[in-house]
N, C-alpha and C. Protein backbone atom coordinates (compact mmCIF):
# COMPACT_ATOMS: atom_id res chain seq x y z
N MET A 1 162.79 118.09 116.47
CA MET A 1 162.86 119.25 115.60
C MET A 1 161.59 119.33 114.78
N LYS A 2 160.98 120.54 114.75
CA LYS A 2 159.71 120.75 114.07
C LYS A 2 159.93 120.75 112.58
N LYS A 3 159.10 119.93 111.87
CA LYS A 3 159.22 119.87 110.43
C LYS A 3 158.65 121.13 109.80
N PRO A 4 159.30 121.61 108.73
CA PRO A 4 158.74 122.80 108.04
C PRO A 4 157.42 122.45 107.40
N ALA A 5 156.50 123.44 107.42
CA ALA A 5 155.18 123.21 106.85
C ALA A 5 155.26 123.08 105.36
N THR A 6 154.57 122.09 104.85
CA THR A 6 154.53 121.91 103.40
C THR A 6 153.44 122.78 102.81
N ALA A 7 153.39 122.88 101.49
CA ALA A 7 152.37 123.68 100.81
C ALA A 7 150.98 123.12 101.11
N THR A 8 150.89 121.77 101.20
CA THR A 8 149.58 121.15 101.46
C THR A 8 149.09 121.47 102.85
N SER A 9 150.02 121.38 103.87
CA SER A 9 149.61 121.68 105.24
C SER A 9 149.23 123.14 105.40
N ARG A 10 150.00 124.03 104.72
CA ARG A 10 149.65 125.46 104.81
C ARG A 10 148.28 125.72 104.21
N LYS A 11 147.96 125.01 103.10
CA LYS A 11 146.67 125.19 102.45
C LYS A 11 145.53 124.72 103.35
N ARG A 12 145.76 123.54 104.05
CA ARG A 12 144.72 123.04 104.97
C ARG A 12 144.49 124.00 106.13
N ARG A 13 145.64 124.54 106.67
CA ARG A 13 145.53 125.48 107.79
C ARG A 13 144.74 126.73 107.37
N THR A 14 145.04 127.20 106.15
CA THR A 14 144.34 128.40 105.65
C THR A 14 142.86 128.14 105.50
N LEU A 15 142.50 126.95 104.99
CA LEU A 15 141.11 126.60 104.82
C LEU A 15 140.39 126.52 106.16
N ARG A 16 141.13 125.95 107.20
CA ARG A 16 140.52 125.88 108.53
C ARG A 16 140.24 127.27 109.08
N TRP A 17 141.18 128.21 108.91
CA TRP A 17 140.98 129.58 109.38
C TRP A 17 139.82 130.26 108.64
N LEU A 18 139.77 130.02 107.32
CA LEU A 18 138.67 130.62 106.55
C LEU A 18 137.32 130.08 107.00
N ALA A 19 137.29 128.76 107.24
CA ALA A 19 136.03 128.15 107.69
C ALA A 19 135.62 128.69 109.05
N ALA A 20 136.62 128.79 109.97
CA ALA A 20 136.31 129.33 111.30
C ALA A 20 135.84 130.78 111.20
N GLY A 21 136.48 131.56 110.33
CA GLY A 21 136.08 132.96 110.16
C GLY A 21 134.68 133.08 109.60
N ALA A 22 134.36 132.20 108.65
CA ALA A 22 133.02 132.23 108.07
C ALA A 22 131.97 131.92 109.12
N LEU A 23 132.27 130.94 110.02
CA LEU A 23 131.32 130.62 111.07
C LEU A 23 131.10 131.78 112.02
N LEU A 24 132.20 132.49 112.37
CA LEU A 24 132.09 133.64 113.27
C LEU A 24 131.28 134.76 112.64
N VAL A 25 131.56 135.03 111.35
CA VAL A 25 130.81 136.08 110.66
C VAL A 25 129.34 135.71 110.57
N GLY A 26 129.07 134.42 110.24
CA GLY A 26 127.68 133.98 110.16
C GLY A 26 126.96 134.10 111.48
N ALA A 27 127.67 133.71 112.57
CA ALA A 27 127.06 133.83 113.90
C ALA A 27 126.78 135.27 114.25
N ALA A 28 127.73 136.16 113.91
CA ALA A 28 127.56 137.58 114.20
C ALA A 28 126.38 138.15 113.44
N LEU A 29 126.26 137.77 112.16
CA LEU A 29 125.14 138.25 111.36
C LEU A 29 123.82 137.75 111.90
N GLY A 30 123.82 136.47 112.32
CA GLY A 30 122.60 135.92 112.90
C GLY A 30 122.19 136.66 114.14
N THR A 31 123.16 136.97 115.01
CA THR A 31 122.87 137.74 116.22
C THR A 31 122.34 139.12 115.87
N LEU A 32 122.92 139.76 114.85
CA LEU A 32 122.50 141.09 114.44
C LEU A 32 121.07 141.08 113.96
N VAL A 33 120.71 140.04 113.19
CA VAL A 33 119.34 139.94 112.69
C VAL A 33 118.36 139.80 113.84
N VAL A 34 118.69 138.93 114.81
CA VAL A 34 117.82 138.73 115.96
C VAL A 34 117.66 140.01 116.75
N MET A 35 118.78 140.70 117.00
CA MET A 35 118.72 141.94 117.77
C MET A 35 117.92 142.99 117.04
N THR A 36 118.07 143.08 115.72
CA THR A 36 117.34 144.08 114.95
C THR A 36 115.85 143.81 115.01
N ARG A 37 115.46 142.54 114.89
CA ARG A 37 114.04 142.21 114.95
C ARG A 37 113.46 142.51 116.32
N GLN A 38 114.22 142.21 117.37
CA GLN A 38 113.73 142.46 118.72
C GLN A 38 113.59 143.95 118.97
N ASP A 39 114.56 144.77 118.50
CA ASP A 39 114.50 146.20 118.73
C ASP A 39 113.37 146.85 117.96
N ALA A 40 113.11 146.35 116.72
CA ALA A 40 112.10 146.98 115.88
C ALA A 40 110.71 146.81 116.48
N GLY A 41 110.44 145.63 117.04
CA GLY A 41 109.14 145.39 117.63
C GLY A 41 108.07 145.24 116.56
N PRO A 42 106.82 145.03 116.96
CA PRO A 42 105.73 144.85 115.99
C PRO A 42 105.44 146.14 115.24
N VAL A 43 105.13 146.02 113.98
CA VAL A 43 104.81 147.19 113.17
C VAL A 43 103.38 147.62 113.48
N PRO A 44 103.17 148.86 113.94
CA PRO A 44 101.81 149.29 114.28
C PRO A 44 100.92 149.33 113.05
N ALA A 45 99.66 148.97 113.22
CA ALA A 45 98.72 148.97 112.11
C ALA A 45 98.37 150.40 111.72
N ALA A 46 98.24 150.63 110.43
CA ALA A 46 97.89 151.96 109.94
C ALA A 46 96.46 152.29 110.36
N PRO A 47 96.19 153.52 110.79
CA PRO A 47 94.84 153.88 111.22
C PRO A 47 93.85 153.77 110.06
N THR A 48 92.64 153.30 110.37
CA THR A 48 91.61 153.18 109.36
C THR A 48 90.96 154.53 109.12
N LEU A 49 90.94 154.98 107.88
CA LEU A 49 90.38 156.28 107.54
C LEU A 49 88.88 156.16 107.31
N SER A 50 88.15 157.19 107.69
CA SER A 50 86.73 157.23 107.41
C SER A 50 86.52 157.47 105.91
N ARG A 51 85.31 157.33 105.48
CA ARG A 51 85.02 157.51 104.05
C ARG A 51 85.35 158.93 103.61
N LEU A 52 85.00 159.90 104.44
CA LEU A 52 85.28 161.29 104.09
C LEU A 52 86.78 161.56 104.05
N GLU A 53 87.53 160.95 104.99
CA GLU A 53 88.98 161.11 105.01
C GLU A 53 89.62 160.50 103.77
N GLN A 54 89.11 159.35 103.36
CA GLN A 54 89.63 158.70 102.16
C GLN A 54 89.40 159.58 100.93
N GLU A 55 88.20 160.16 100.83
CA GLU A 55 87.89 161.01 99.68
C GLU A 55 88.75 162.28 99.70
N ALA A 56 88.98 162.83 100.89
CA ALA A 56 89.81 164.04 101.00
C ALA A 56 91.24 163.74 100.59
N GLU A 57 91.77 162.59 101.03
CA GLU A 57 93.12 162.21 100.65
C GLU A 57 93.23 162.04 99.14
N ALA A 58 92.22 161.40 98.54
CA ALA A 58 92.24 161.19 97.09
C ALA A 58 92.11 162.52 96.34
N ARG A 59 91.26 163.40 96.86
CA ARG A 59 91.04 164.70 96.18
C ARG A 59 92.28 165.57 96.19
N PHE A 60 93.04 165.53 97.28
CA PHE A 60 94.22 166.40 97.40
C PHE A 60 95.52 165.59 97.38
N ALA A 61 95.50 164.44 96.70
CA ALA A 61 96.70 163.62 96.60
C ALA A 61 97.81 164.40 95.89
N GLY A 62 99.00 164.37 96.47
CA GLY A 62 100.14 165.04 95.86
C GLY A 62 100.27 166.51 96.21
N SER A 63 99.32 167.04 96.97
CA SER A 63 99.39 168.45 97.37
C SER A 63 99.58 168.56 98.87
N LYS A 64 100.20 169.64 99.30
CA LYS A 64 100.46 169.88 100.72
C LYS A 64 99.66 171.09 101.18
N PRO A 65 98.76 170.91 102.16
CA PRO A 65 98.01 172.06 102.67
C PRO A 65 98.90 172.94 103.54
N TYR A 66 98.46 174.15 103.76
CA TYR A 66 99.21 175.08 104.61
C TYR A 66 98.26 176.10 105.21
N ILE A 67 98.73 176.76 106.25
CA ILE A 67 97.98 177.84 106.90
C ILE A 67 98.64 179.16 106.54
N THR A 68 97.84 180.12 106.11
CA THR A 68 98.37 181.44 105.77
C THR A 68 98.17 182.39 106.95
N LEU A 69 99.25 182.90 107.50
CA LEU A 69 99.19 183.82 108.62
C LEU A 69 98.82 185.22 108.13
N PRO A 70 98.40 186.10 109.04
CA PRO A 70 98.05 187.47 108.65
C PRO A 70 99.17 188.20 107.90
N ASN A 71 100.42 187.84 108.19
CA ASN A 71 101.55 188.50 107.50
C ASN A 71 101.87 187.86 106.14
N GLY A 72 101.04 186.88 105.73
CA GLY A 72 101.24 186.25 104.44
C GLY A 72 102.12 185.02 104.47
N LYS A 73 102.73 184.73 105.60
CA LYS A 73 103.61 183.56 105.71
C LYS A 73 102.80 182.28 105.70
N ARG A 74 103.30 181.29 104.97
CA ARG A 74 102.63 179.99 104.89
C ARG A 74 103.26 179.01 105.88
N VAL A 75 102.43 178.41 106.71
CA VAL A 75 102.91 177.48 107.73
C VAL A 75 102.39 176.09 107.40
N PRO A 76 103.27 175.08 107.28
CA PRO A 76 102.82 173.72 106.96
C PRO A 76 102.18 173.07 108.18
N PRO A 77 101.45 171.97 107.99
CA PRO A 77 100.85 171.25 109.13
C PRO A 77 101.94 170.70 110.04
N VAL A 78 101.60 170.55 111.33
CA VAL A 78 102.61 170.14 112.30
C VAL A 78 102.90 168.64 112.25
N ASN A 79 101.93 167.84 111.77
CA ASN A 79 102.15 166.40 111.66
C ASN A 79 101.15 165.82 110.67
N ALA A 80 101.21 164.51 110.49
CA ALA A 80 100.34 163.86 109.50
C ALA A 80 98.86 163.97 109.87
N ALA A 81 98.56 163.88 111.16
CA ALA A 81 97.16 163.98 111.59
C ALA A 81 96.61 165.37 111.30
N HIS A 82 97.44 166.39 111.56
CA HIS A 82 97.03 167.77 111.29
C HIS A 82 96.83 167.97 109.80
N GLU A 83 97.71 167.39 108.99
CA GLU A 83 97.59 167.51 107.53
C GLU A 83 96.29 166.88 107.04
N LEU A 84 95.95 165.71 107.58
CA LEU A 84 94.71 165.05 107.20
C LEU A 84 93.50 165.88 107.60
N GLN A 85 93.56 166.47 108.77
CA GLN A 85 92.46 167.31 109.26
C GLN A 85 92.26 168.51 108.33
N MET A 86 93.37 169.11 107.88
CA MET A 86 93.28 170.26 106.99
C MET A 86 92.69 169.85 105.64
N LYS A 87 93.07 168.68 105.14
CA LYS A 87 92.53 168.21 103.87
C LYS A 87 91.03 167.94 103.98
N VAL A 88 90.61 167.33 105.08
CA VAL A 88 89.19 167.05 105.29
C VAL A 88 88.41 168.36 105.36
N ASN A 89 88.95 169.34 106.05
CA ASN A 89 88.27 170.62 106.18
C ASN A 89 88.14 171.30 104.82
N ALA A 90 89.21 171.24 104.03
CA ALA A 90 89.18 171.83 102.69
C ALA A 90 88.17 171.09 101.80
N TYR A 91 88.11 169.77 101.94
CA TYR A 91 87.18 168.98 101.14
C TYR A 91 85.74 169.32 101.51
N LYS A 92 85.49 169.50 102.81
CA LYS A 92 84.15 169.90 103.24
C LYS A 92 83.79 171.27 102.66
N GLY A 93 84.79 172.16 102.54
CA GLY A 93 84.55 173.46 101.93
C GLY A 93 84.12 173.34 100.48
N LEU A 94 84.75 172.41 99.75
CA LEU A 94 84.36 172.17 98.36
C LEU A 94 82.92 171.65 98.28
N LEU A 95 82.57 170.74 99.19
CA LEU A 95 81.21 170.21 99.22
C LEU A 95 80.19 171.31 99.53
N ALA A 96 80.57 172.23 100.44
CA ALA A 96 79.67 173.33 100.79
C ALA A 96 79.44 174.25 99.59
N ARG A 97 80.49 174.53 98.84
CA ARG A 97 80.34 175.40 97.66
C ARG A 97 79.48 174.72 96.59
N GLU A 98 79.66 173.41 96.44
CA GLU A 98 78.83 172.67 95.50
C GLU A 98 77.36 172.71 95.93
N SER A 99 77.12 172.61 97.23
CA SER A 99 75.74 172.66 97.75
C SER A 99 75.11 174.02 97.47
N GLU A 100 75.88 175.08 97.64
CA GLU A 100 75.37 176.42 97.35
C GLU A 100 75.08 176.59 95.86
N ASP A 101 75.92 176.00 95.01
CA ASP A 101 75.72 176.12 93.56
C ASP A 101 74.45 175.38 93.11
N HIS A 102 74.18 174.23 93.76
CA HIS A 102 73.04 173.42 93.35
C HIS A 102 71.74 173.80 94.05
N ASP A 103 71.86 174.48 95.20
CA ASP A 103 70.66 174.82 95.98
C ASP A 103 70.78 176.27 96.47
N PRO A 104 70.09 177.21 95.83
CA PRO A 104 70.17 178.62 96.24
C PRO A 104 69.70 178.86 97.67
N THR A 105 68.90 177.93 98.21
CA THR A 105 68.40 178.12 99.57
C THR A 105 69.34 177.54 100.63
N PHE A 106 70.44 176.93 100.19
CA PHE A 106 71.36 176.30 101.14
C PHE A 106 71.89 177.28 102.19
N PRO A 107 72.31 178.51 101.82
CA PRO A 107 72.78 179.45 102.86
C PRO A 107 71.72 179.76 103.91
N LEU A 108 70.46 179.88 103.47
CA LEU A 108 69.38 180.16 104.42
C LEU A 108 69.17 178.97 105.36
N LYS A 109 69.28 177.77 104.82
CA LYS A 109 69.14 176.57 105.64
C LYS A 109 70.26 176.50 106.69
N ALA A 110 71.47 176.89 106.27
CA ALA A 110 72.59 176.88 107.21
C ALA A 110 72.40 177.93 108.30
N GLU A 111 71.88 179.09 107.92
CA GLU A 111 71.59 180.14 108.92
C GLU A 111 70.59 179.62 109.94
N ALA A 112 69.54 178.96 109.47
CA ALA A 112 68.51 178.44 110.37
C ALA A 112 69.08 177.35 111.28
N GLU A 113 69.94 176.52 110.72
CA GLU A 113 70.54 175.45 111.52
C GLU A 113 71.46 176.02 112.60
N LEU A 114 72.25 177.02 112.26
CA LEU A 114 73.13 177.62 113.26
C LEU A 114 72.33 178.31 114.36
N ALA A 115 71.23 178.98 113.98
CA ALA A 115 70.37 179.60 114.99
C ALA A 115 69.77 178.54 115.91
N ARG A 116 69.41 177.40 115.33
CA ARG A 116 68.84 176.31 116.15
C ARG A 116 69.86 175.78 117.15
N ARG A 117 71.14 175.77 116.76
CA ARG A 117 72.19 175.25 117.63
C ARG A 117 72.51 176.20 118.80
N GLN A 118 72.06 177.44 118.71
CA GLN A 118 72.25 178.41 119.79
C GLN A 118 73.71 178.50 120.27
N PRO A 119 74.60 178.95 119.42
CA PRO A 119 76.01 179.06 119.83
C PRO A 119 76.18 180.08 120.96
N MET A 120 77.14 179.84 121.81
CA MET A 120 77.37 180.68 122.99
C MET A 120 78.86 180.97 123.20
N ARG A 121 79.14 182.12 123.78
CA ARG A 121 80.44 182.38 124.39
C ARG A 121 80.31 181.95 125.84
N ALA A 122 81.24 181.18 126.33
CA ALA A 122 81.16 180.68 127.70
C ALA A 122 82.39 181.09 128.50
N ALA A 123 82.16 181.43 129.76
CA ALA A 123 83.25 181.73 130.69
C ALA A 123 82.93 181.01 132.00
N ILE A 124 83.87 180.22 132.49
CA ILE A 124 83.69 179.48 133.75
C ILE A 124 84.72 179.98 134.75
N GLU A 125 84.25 180.39 135.92
CA GLU A 125 85.13 180.88 136.98
C GLU A 125 85.04 179.94 138.19
N TRP A 126 86.17 179.76 138.88
CA TRP A 126 86.19 178.93 140.09
C TRP A 126 87.43 179.29 140.92
N ASN A 127 87.46 178.82 142.13
CA ASN A 127 88.59 179.03 143.03
C ASN A 127 89.25 177.69 143.35
N ASP A 128 90.58 177.70 143.37
CA ASP A 128 91.32 176.52 143.83
C ASP A 128 92.52 177.00 144.64
N VAL A 129 93.46 176.11 144.93
CA VAL A 129 94.60 176.46 145.78
C VAL A 129 95.47 177.55 145.17
N THR A 130 95.38 177.74 143.86
CA THR A 130 96.20 178.77 143.21
C THR A 130 95.50 180.12 143.17
N GLY A 131 94.21 180.17 143.57
CA GLY A 131 93.48 181.42 143.55
C GLY A 131 92.30 181.37 142.61
N ASN A 132 91.92 182.54 142.08
CA ASN A 132 90.79 182.62 141.15
C ASN A 132 91.23 182.14 139.77
N ARG A 133 90.41 181.29 139.17
CA ARG A 133 90.71 180.76 137.85
C ARG A 133 89.55 181.06 136.91
N GLU A 134 89.85 181.15 135.62
CA GLU A 134 88.79 181.37 134.63
C GLU A 134 89.16 180.67 133.33
N MET A 135 88.16 180.12 132.67
CA MET A 135 88.34 179.46 131.38
C MET A 135 87.31 179.99 130.41
N ASP A 136 87.75 180.45 129.25
CA ASP A 136 86.86 180.99 128.22
C ASP A 136 86.90 180.09 126.98
N PHE A 137 85.75 179.85 126.39
CA PHE A 137 85.68 179.06 125.17
C PHE A 137 84.34 179.33 124.50
N ASN A 138 84.18 178.79 123.29
CA ASN A 138 82.94 178.96 122.53
C ASN A 138 82.21 177.63 122.45
N ILE A 139 80.90 177.68 122.57
CA ILE A 139 80.06 176.50 122.43
C ILE A 139 79.34 176.63 121.09
N GLU A 140 79.71 175.79 120.15
CA GLU A 140 79.10 175.87 118.81
C GLU A 140 77.67 175.36 118.81
N ASP A 141 77.35 174.42 119.69
CA ASP A 141 75.99 173.86 119.74
C ASP A 141 75.60 173.65 121.20
N SER A 142 74.73 174.53 121.70
CA SER A 142 74.27 174.41 123.09
C SER A 142 72.85 173.87 123.16
N SER A 143 72.28 173.49 122.01
CA SER A 143 70.87 173.10 121.96
C SER A 143 70.59 171.81 122.72
N THR A 144 71.59 170.96 122.90
CA THR A 144 71.39 169.69 123.60
C THR A 144 72.08 169.69 124.97
N CYS A 145 72.36 170.88 125.48
CA CYS A 145 73.15 170.97 126.71
C CYS A 145 72.30 171.20 127.96
N ALA A 146 70.97 171.14 127.83
CA ALA A 146 70.06 171.28 128.98
C ALA A 146 70.22 172.61 129.71
N LEU A 147 70.63 173.64 128.98
CA LEU A 147 70.81 174.94 129.60
C LEU A 147 69.52 175.74 129.65
N GLY A 148 68.58 175.39 128.79
CA GLY A 148 67.35 176.17 128.72
C GLY A 148 67.66 177.59 128.28
N SER A 149 67.12 178.55 128.99
CA SER A 149 67.38 179.96 128.67
C SER A 149 68.36 180.59 129.66
N GLN A 150 69.04 179.76 130.44
CA GLN A 150 69.95 180.28 131.46
C GLN A 150 71.22 180.85 130.82
N THR A 151 71.63 181.98 131.33
CA THR A 151 72.90 182.57 130.91
C THR A 151 73.85 182.76 132.09
N GLU A 152 73.32 182.64 133.32
CA GLU A 152 74.14 182.71 134.53
C GLU A 152 73.73 181.56 135.43
N LEU A 153 74.67 180.71 135.80
CA LEU A 153 74.34 179.61 136.69
C LEU A 153 75.56 179.17 137.49
N THR A 154 75.30 178.58 138.63
CA THR A 154 76.34 178.02 139.47
C THR A 154 76.16 176.50 139.48
N VAL A 155 77.24 175.80 139.18
CA VAL A 155 77.17 174.35 139.04
C VAL A 155 78.23 173.71 139.93
N ALA A 156 77.83 172.71 140.69
CA ALA A 156 78.80 171.93 141.46
C ALA A 156 79.54 171.00 140.52
N MET A 157 80.80 170.77 140.80
CA MET A 157 81.61 169.90 139.95
C MET A 157 80.92 168.54 139.76
N GLU A 158 80.26 168.05 140.82
CA GLU A 158 79.61 166.74 140.74
C GLU A 158 78.42 166.74 139.77
N ASP A 159 77.89 167.92 139.44
CA ASP A 159 76.72 168.01 138.56
C ASP A 159 77.07 168.48 137.15
N ILE A 160 78.36 168.67 136.87
CA ILE A 160 78.76 169.23 135.58
C ILE A 160 78.40 168.32 134.42
N ALA A 161 78.28 167.01 134.68
CA ALA A 161 77.94 166.05 133.62
C ALA A 161 76.56 166.31 133.04
N HIS A 162 75.70 167.03 133.78
CA HIS A 162 74.37 167.35 133.27
C HIS A 162 74.44 168.38 132.14
N TYR A 163 75.58 169.05 132.02
CA TYR A 163 75.76 170.08 131.00
C TYR A 163 77.01 169.73 130.16
N PRO A 164 76.91 168.73 129.27
CA PRO A 164 78.10 168.23 128.55
C PRO A 164 78.83 169.29 127.75
N CYS A 165 78.13 170.31 127.27
CA CYS A 165 78.82 171.33 126.47
C CYS A 165 79.78 172.17 127.31
N LEU A 166 79.64 172.12 128.64
CA LEU A 166 80.53 172.89 129.51
C LEU A 166 81.84 172.15 129.78
N THR A 167 81.91 170.88 129.39
CA THR A 167 83.13 170.10 129.64
C THR A 167 83.89 169.79 128.35
N GLN A 168 83.57 170.51 127.27
CA GLN A 168 84.23 170.22 126.00
C GLN A 168 85.73 170.54 126.04
N GLY A 169 86.14 171.38 126.99
CA GLY A 169 87.56 171.65 127.16
C GLY A 169 88.23 170.74 128.17
N GLY A 170 87.44 169.79 128.73
CA GLY A 170 87.98 168.88 129.72
C GLY A 170 87.32 169.07 131.08
N ASN A 171 87.33 168.03 131.87
CA ASN A 171 86.77 168.08 133.22
C ASN A 171 87.89 167.78 134.21
N PHE A 172 88.50 168.82 134.74
CA PHE A 172 89.68 168.65 135.59
C PHE A 172 89.49 169.28 136.97
N TRP A 173 88.24 169.57 137.34
CA TRP A 173 87.98 170.20 138.64
C TRP A 173 87.93 169.16 139.75
N GLU A 174 88.35 169.58 140.94
CA GLU A 174 88.33 168.69 142.09
C GLU A 174 86.92 168.63 142.69
N ALA A 175 86.65 167.54 143.40
CA ALA A 175 85.35 167.37 144.03
C ALA A 175 85.07 168.54 144.98
N GLY A 176 83.82 169.00 144.96
CA GLY A 176 83.42 170.10 145.84
C GLY A 176 83.61 171.48 145.24
N THR A 177 84.20 171.56 144.06
CA THR A 177 84.43 172.86 143.42
C THR A 177 83.11 173.43 142.90
N LYS A 178 82.88 174.71 143.17
CA LYS A 178 81.71 175.41 142.66
C LYS A 178 82.12 176.23 141.43
N LEU A 179 81.38 176.06 140.35
CA LEU A 179 81.70 176.73 139.10
C LEU A 179 80.67 177.80 138.79
N SER A 180 81.13 179.00 138.52
CA SER A 180 80.25 180.09 138.11
C SER A 180 80.32 180.18 136.59
N VAL A 181 79.19 179.94 135.94
CA VAL A 181 79.14 179.88 134.48
C VAL A 181 78.44 181.11 133.93
N HIS A 182 79.09 181.78 132.98
CA HIS A 182 78.53 182.97 132.33
C HIS A 182 78.43 182.68 130.83
N LEU A 183 77.23 182.81 130.29
CA LEU A 183 76.99 182.49 128.88
C LEU A 183 76.49 183.72 128.13
N THR A 184 77.01 183.93 126.94
CA THR A 184 76.58 185.04 126.08
C THR A 184 76.20 184.48 124.72
N PRO A 185 74.93 184.60 124.32
CA PRO A 185 74.52 184.09 123.00
C PRO A 185 75.30 184.77 121.88
N ILE A 186 75.67 183.99 120.87
CA ILE A 186 76.34 184.51 119.68
C ILE A 186 75.27 184.76 118.62
N THR A 187 75.09 186.01 118.26
CA THR A 187 74.06 186.39 117.29
C THR A 187 74.72 186.76 115.96
N LYS A 188 73.89 187.13 114.99
CA LYS A 188 74.40 187.49 113.66
C LYS A 188 75.33 188.70 113.71
N GLU A 189 75.16 189.54 114.72
CA GLU A 189 75.99 190.73 114.83
C GLU A 189 77.35 190.44 115.44
N ASP A 190 77.52 189.27 116.00
CA ASP A 190 78.79 188.90 116.64
C ASP A 190 79.83 188.58 115.58
N PRO A 191 81.08 189.04 115.78
CA PRO A 191 82.15 188.74 114.81
C PRO A 191 82.39 187.24 114.61
N LEU A 192 81.99 186.41 115.58
CA LEU A 192 82.18 184.97 115.46
C LEU A 192 81.16 184.31 114.53
N TRP A 193 80.05 184.97 114.26
CA TRP A 193 78.97 184.36 113.50
C TRP A 193 79.40 183.88 112.12
N PRO A 194 80.09 184.69 111.30
CA PRO A 194 80.48 184.22 109.95
C PRO A 194 81.31 182.94 109.98
N GLY A 195 82.25 182.84 110.92
CA GLY A 195 83.07 181.64 111.01
C GLY A 195 82.27 180.43 111.40
N LEU A 196 81.35 180.60 112.36
CA LEU A 196 80.49 179.50 112.78
C LEU A 196 79.54 179.09 111.66
N LEU A 197 79.08 180.07 110.89
CA LEU A 197 78.20 179.77 109.77
C LEU A 197 78.94 178.95 108.71
N ALA A 198 80.19 179.30 108.44
CA ALA A 198 80.99 178.54 107.47
C ALA A 198 81.19 177.11 107.96
N THR A 199 81.44 176.93 109.26
CA THR A 199 81.60 175.59 109.83
C THR A 199 80.30 174.80 109.70
N THR A 200 79.17 175.46 109.93
CA THR A 200 77.87 174.79 109.82
C THR A 200 77.61 174.36 108.38
N LYS A 201 77.95 175.20 107.43
CA LYS A 201 77.77 174.85 106.02
C LYS A 201 78.59 173.62 105.66
N ARG A 202 79.84 173.59 106.11
CA ARG A 202 80.70 172.44 105.80
C ARG A 202 80.14 171.16 106.41
N ALA A 203 79.68 171.25 107.65
CA ALA A 203 79.14 170.07 108.33
C ALA A 203 77.88 169.57 107.63
N MET A 204 76.99 170.49 107.27
CA MET A 204 75.75 170.10 106.62
C MET A 204 76.02 169.48 105.25
N ALA A 205 76.93 170.08 104.49
CA ALA A 205 77.25 169.57 103.16
C ALA A 205 77.88 168.18 103.24
N ALA A 206 78.75 167.97 104.23
CA ALA A 206 79.39 166.66 104.39
C ALA A 206 78.36 165.61 104.77
N GLU A 207 77.44 165.95 105.68
CA GLU A 207 76.40 165.00 106.09
C GLU A 207 75.51 164.63 104.91
N ALA A 208 75.12 165.64 104.11
CA ALA A 208 74.27 165.38 102.95
C ALA A 208 75.00 164.52 101.91
N HIS A 209 76.29 164.77 101.74
CA HIS A 209 77.09 164.01 100.78
C HIS A 209 77.17 162.54 101.19
N LEU A 210 77.44 162.27 102.45
CA LEU A 210 77.53 160.89 102.92
C LEU A 210 76.18 160.19 102.87
N ALA A 211 75.12 160.94 103.19
CA ALA A 211 73.77 160.36 103.14
C ALA A 211 73.42 159.98 101.69
N LYS A 212 73.82 160.81 100.75
CA LYS A 212 73.56 160.52 99.33
C LYS A 212 74.31 159.27 98.89
N LEU A 213 75.57 159.13 99.33
CA LEU A 213 76.36 157.94 98.98
C LEU A 213 75.74 156.68 99.57
N ASP A 214 75.27 156.77 100.82
CA ASP A 214 74.65 155.62 101.48
C ASP A 214 73.35 155.22 100.77
N ALA A 215 72.59 156.25 100.35
CA ALA A 215 71.34 155.97 99.65
C ALA A 215 71.59 155.28 98.31
N ALA A 216 72.63 155.75 97.60
CA ALA A 216 72.98 155.14 96.32
C ALA A 216 73.49 153.71 96.50
N LYS A 217 74.19 153.50 97.61
CA LYS A 217 74.73 152.17 97.89
C LYS A 217 73.62 151.19 98.23
N GLY A 218 72.57 151.70 98.91
CA GLY A 218 71.49 150.82 99.32
C GLY A 218 70.47 150.55 98.23
N SER A 219 70.46 151.38 97.19
CA SER A 219 69.47 151.21 96.13
C SER A 219 69.85 150.10 95.17
């Protein structure tokens, strides 16, 4: 006949169950920690910002850039990289305005620089299995593209590397493809000129700003 459990035996049994339960919970938590660490993987390193990017972030800290559409609607940046790009562009605009304030000849220098860069409208036509194809884009600086004074030329895909400004949209042509290139110089009368001039001013001002910082650092 089974003896009835005493208070002491019941207490020991309860302690054994509690101890076993604690071990199971501890094991489960340990497994969860291991699984969480394995799933998370290594933390990617934050991208290193350039000096200009760092200054732009500091200048516009706490503010959110946006794009204003023709209808007045404000559109936020699509991601963090786009937001940083917008801040850098805005910061370059501030540097350009400062350059104009300090140097009355700065706009004329920018005009001369843009003319030297010989901006072009470019159209490339070719044939592939889908039929006639065409790609249109703008070349902001054709001065180093070995084009000379040519505005109409035929280039084999294998020779396109000789004209790097023609591949700024990518080089995706198959071997043996013949490309017909049509170039139109962008002059002061072209609607694109003011926008390109503003871009040139920002680039020149940013370069001068960084050169000044480097000179001060080296002195």
